[in-house]
Amino acid sequence: MTIEEYISDQDETIRPRLLTVCHIIREAIPNAEERISWGMPTFWKGRNIIHFAAAKKHIGIYPGAEAVEAFALRLTEYKTSKGAIQLPNNKELPTGLISEIARWCYESYRVKRT
């Protein structure tokens, strides 16, 4: 399954939001490979960098616990848990923040590999 197929399998009301999240991450980390991992759209570069997925009332972004901790002060209006951020479907997507988190994850991983 591809990310596009995953998105097309979701409810038509959530597809535009999922496409937006995908586009934001794709532009933020263009060198990452796109795949499905753990049943979720995933951006990968030697390991999983960031995932996203549709849920009933939100889109989940899964950048890992370190990223959630690093951006904690900017995530106060969202429900978070270890490694996960819930973006409610009834709120505007924080496009800039999603992009920054994706780049942070990519750069953080790169630094750890060298």
Protein backbone atom coordinates (compact mmCIF):
# COMPACT_ATOMS: atom_id res chain seq x y z
CA MET A 1 0.00 0.00 0.00
CA THR A 2 1.18 3.53 -0.74
CA ILE A 3 0.50 6.69 1.24
CA GLU A 4 -1.87 7.82 -1.50
CA GLU A 5 -3.80 4.54 -1.24
CA TYR A 6 -3.97 4.90 2.55
CA ILE A 7 -5.42 8.39 2.18
CA SER A 8 -7.89 7.36 -0.50
CA ASP A 9 -9.16 4.58 1.81
CA GLN A 10 -10.11 7.13 4.50
CA ASP A 11 -13.42 8.93 4.87
CA GLU A 12 -13.83 11.63 2.23
CA THR A 13 -14.27 14.28 4.92
CA ILE A 14 -10.76 13.68 6.31
CA ARG A 15 -8.88 13.10 3.03
CA PRO A 16 -8.11 16.80 2.36
CA ARG A 17 -6.56 17.16 5.84
CA LEU A 18 -4.50 14.02 5.37
CA LEU A 19 -3.31 15.24 1.97
CA THR A 20 -2.31 18.55 3.54
CA VAL A 21 -0.33 16.82 6.29
CA CYS A 22 1.35 14.58 3.72
CA HIS A 23 2.23 17.55 1.51
CA ILE A 24 3.66 19.51 4.45
CA ILE A 25 5.89 16.64 5.56
CA ARG A 26 6.91 15.82 1.98
CA GLU A 27 8.06 19.41 1.44
CA ALA A 28 9.79 19.61 4.83
CA ILE A 29 11.83 16.45 4.30
CA PRO A 30 11.96 15.78 0.55
CA ASN A 31 14.82 13.26 0.82
CA ALA A 32 12.79 10.88 2.97
CA GLU A 33 11.34 7.73 1.49
CA GLU A 34 7.57 7.31 1.73
CA ARG A 35 6.14 4.02 2.91
CA ILE A 36 3.53 2.42 5.13
CA SER A 37 4.88 1.26 8.48
CA TRP A 38 2.85 0.07 11.45
CA GLY A 39 -0.20 0.59 9.19
CA MET A 40 0.48 4.35 8.93
CA PRO A 41 1.92 6.68 6.31
CA THR A 42 5.58 7.00 7.22
CA PHE A 43 8.53 9.06 6.12
CA TRP A 44 11.70 7.01 6.40
CA LYS A 45 15.43 7.61 6.03
CA GLY A 46 17.35 4.65 7.42
CA ARG A 47 14.64 4.42 10.08
CA ASN A 48 11.13 5.75 10.66
CA ILE A 49 11.28 9.55 10.98
CA ILE A 50 7.64 10.56 11.36
CA HIS A 51 4.22 8.92 10.88
CA PHE A 52 0.69 10.26 10.59
CA ALA A 53 -2.69 8.60 10.63
CA ALA A 54 -6.41 9.26 10.62
CA ALA A 55 -8.47 8.71 13.75
CA LYS A 56 -12.16 9.30 14.37
CA LYS A 57 -11.82 12.85 15.74
CA HIS A 58 -8.24 13.80 14.95
CA ILE A 59 -5.16 13.22 12.86
CA GLY A 60 -2.35 11.68 14.81
CA ILE A 61 1.20 12.81 14.16
CA TYR A 62 3.82 10.41 15.53
CA PRO A 63 7.24 12.08 15.62
CA GLY A 64 8.53 10.21 18.67
CA ALA A 65 8.88 11.11 22.33
CA GLU A 66 11.94 13.33 21.88
CA ALA A 67 10.14 15.56 19.39
CA VAL A 68 7.03 15.85 21.56
CA GLU A 69 9.27 16.88 24.44
CA ALA A 70 11.27 19.35 22.31
CA PHE A 71 8.09 21.07 21.09
CA ALA A 72 6.11 20.75 24.35
CA LEU A 73 5.71 24.49 24.88
CA ARG A 74 4.20 24.87 21.41
CA LEU A 75 1.92 21.85 21.77
CA THR A 76 0.00 22.96 24.86
CA GLU A 77 -3.29 23.31 22.97
CA TYR A 78 -3.09 19.73 21.63
CA LYS A 79 -3.45 16.41 23.37
CA THR A 80 -0.11 14.64 23.42
CA SER A 81 1.23 11.40 24.76
CA LYS A 82 4.61 9.74 24.57
CA GLY A 83 5.54 10.21 20.93
CA ALA A 84 2.10 11.29 19.66
CA ILE A 85 0.28 14.53 18.90
CA GLN A 86 -3.47 14.70 18.26
CA LEU A 87 -4.61 17.40 15.83
CA PRO A 88 -8.41 17.69 16.25
CA ASN A 89 -10.44 17.62 13.06
CA ASN A 90 -12.42 20.65 14.22
CA LYS A 91 -9.32 22.90 14.39
CA GLU A 92 -7.15 24.39 11.70
CA LEU A 93 -3.99 22.39 11.03
CA PRO A 94 -0.82 24.01 12.44
CA THR A 95 0.97 23.74 9.10
CA GLY A 96 4.13 25.58 10.12
CA LEU A 97 4.46 23.56 13.31
CA ILE A 98 4.02 20.25 11.46
CA SER A 99 6.75 21.28 9.04
CA GLU A 100 9.12 22.30 11.85
CA ILE A 101 8.55 19.06 13.73
CA ALA A 102 9.20 16.98 10.59
CA ARG A 103 12.45 18.87 9.85
CA TRP A 104 13.51 18.58 13.50
CA CYS A 105 12.96 14.81 13.42
CA TYR A 106 14.92 14.46 10.19
CA GLU A 107 17.82 16.59 11.42
CA SER A 108 17.85 14.97 14.85
CA TYR A 109 18.10 11.54 13.27
CA ARG A 110 20.86 12.66 10.88
CA VAL A 111 22.94 14.03 13.75
CA LYS A 112 22.57 10.76 15.69
CA ARG A 113 23.83 8.72 12.72
CA THR A 114 27.05 10.66 12.20
